[in-house]
């Protein structure tokens, strides 16, 4: 995918979509269900997010990098 061809808003929207799919999967797993999107177990999701984050950083956009090591919906104690 040619990430440089997308607008700033498109990059942000796609990044939020990855984050949303990850949160949804975490919620499904938290209820004991199978994750629908399989974001954590599909390498292409991580590659896509990394490419989006790289392009956003290159453009000087604020990027909240996705933390793949913890569940997005959990609160730190």
Protein backbone atom coordinates (compact mmCIF):
# COMPACT_ATOMS: atom_id res chain seq x y z
CA UNK A 1 0.00 0.00 0.00
CA UNK A 2 1.31 3.46 -0.86
CA UNK A 3 0.82 5.24 2.47
CA UNK A 4 2.23 8.50 1.13
CA UNK A 5 -0.75 8.78 -1.22
CA UNK A 6 -3.25 9.11 1.64
CA UNK A 7 -4.33 12.34 3.30
CA UNK A 8 -3.45 13.04 6.93
CA UNK A 9 -7.07 12.43 7.91
CA UNK A 10 -7.11 9.09 6.07
CA UNK A 11 -3.97 7.92 7.86
CA UNK A 12 -5.44 8.86 11.24
CA UNK A 13 -8.73 7.13 10.42
CA UNK A 14 -7.00 3.92 9.33
CA UNK A 15 -4.84 3.94 12.47
CA UNK A 16 -7.90 4.38 14.67
CA UNK A 17 -9.56 1.52 12.80
CA UNK A 18 -6.65 -0.77 13.71
CA UNK A 19 -6.89 0.36 17.32
CA UNK A 20 -10.66 -0.20 17.30
CA UNK A 21 -10.33 -3.71 15.86
CA UNK A 22 -7.71 -4.53 18.50
CA UNK A 23 -9.95 -3.25 21.31
CA UNK A 24 -12.90 -5.22 19.94
CA UNK A 25 -10.82 -8.41 19.83
CA UNK A 26 -9.69 -7.80 23.41
CA UNK A 27 -13.31 -7.39 24.49
CA UNK A 28 -14.34 -10.61 22.74
CA UNK A 29 -11.49 -12.51 24.39
CA UNK A 30 -12.34 -10.95 27.75
CA UNK A 31 -15.81 -12.52 27.45
CA UNK A 32 -14.31 -15.87 26.49
CA UNK A 33 -15.22 -15.55 22.81
CA UNK A 34 -12.95 -15.91 19.80
CA UNK A 35 -11.54 -12.60 18.51
CA UNK A 36 -13.33 -11.54 15.33
CA UNK A 37 -10.50 -9.62 13.66
CA UNK A 38 -7.52 -11.62 15.03
CA UNK A 39 -5.43 -8.46 15.18
CA UNK A 40 -2.89 -9.79 17.70
CA UNK A 41 -2.30 -13.02 15.80
CA UNK A 42 -2.14 -11.66 12.24
CA UNK A 43 1.22 -10.13 11.36
CA UNK A 44 -0.26 -8.01 8.58
CA UNK A 45 -2.25 -5.96 11.12
CA UNK A 46 0.95 -5.06 12.97
CA UNK A 47 2.76 -4.29 9.72
CA UNK A 48 -0.12 -2.07 8.59
CA UNK A 49 -0.17 -0.18 11.91
CA UNK A 50 3.62 0.26 11.83
CA UNK A 51 3.49 1.62 8.27
CA UNK A 52 0.74 4.04 9.25
CA UNK A 53 2.69 5.18 12.32
CA UNK A 54 5.86 5.63 10.25
CA UNK A 55 4.09 7.76 7.65
CA UNK A 56 2.31 9.82 10.31
CA UNK A 57 5.61 10.43 12.11
CA UNK A 58 7.31 11.35 8.84
CA UNK A 59 4.63 14.00 8.31
CA UNK A 60 5.01 15.33 11.84
CA UNK A 61 1.54 14.20 12.89
CA UNK A 62 0.87 13.23 16.49
CA UNK A 63 0.94 9.44 16.77
CA UNK A 64 -0.18 7.37 19.73
CA UNK A 65 1.76 4.21 18.97
CA UNK A 66 -0.23 1.05 19.55
CA UNK A 67 1.06 -1.01 22.48
CA UNK A 68 0.89 -4.61 21.29
CA UNK A 69 2.12 -6.01 24.61
CA UNK A 70 -0.96 -5.24 26.69
CA UNK A 71 -4.70 -5.29 26.34
CA UNK A 72 -5.90 -1.86 25.21
CA UNK A 73 -8.96 -1.82 27.47
CA UNK A 74 -7.17 -2.75 30.70
CA UNK A 75 -6.25 -0.14 33.25
CA UNK A 76 -2.76 -0.08 34.72
CA UNK A 77 -2.70 -0.44 38.49
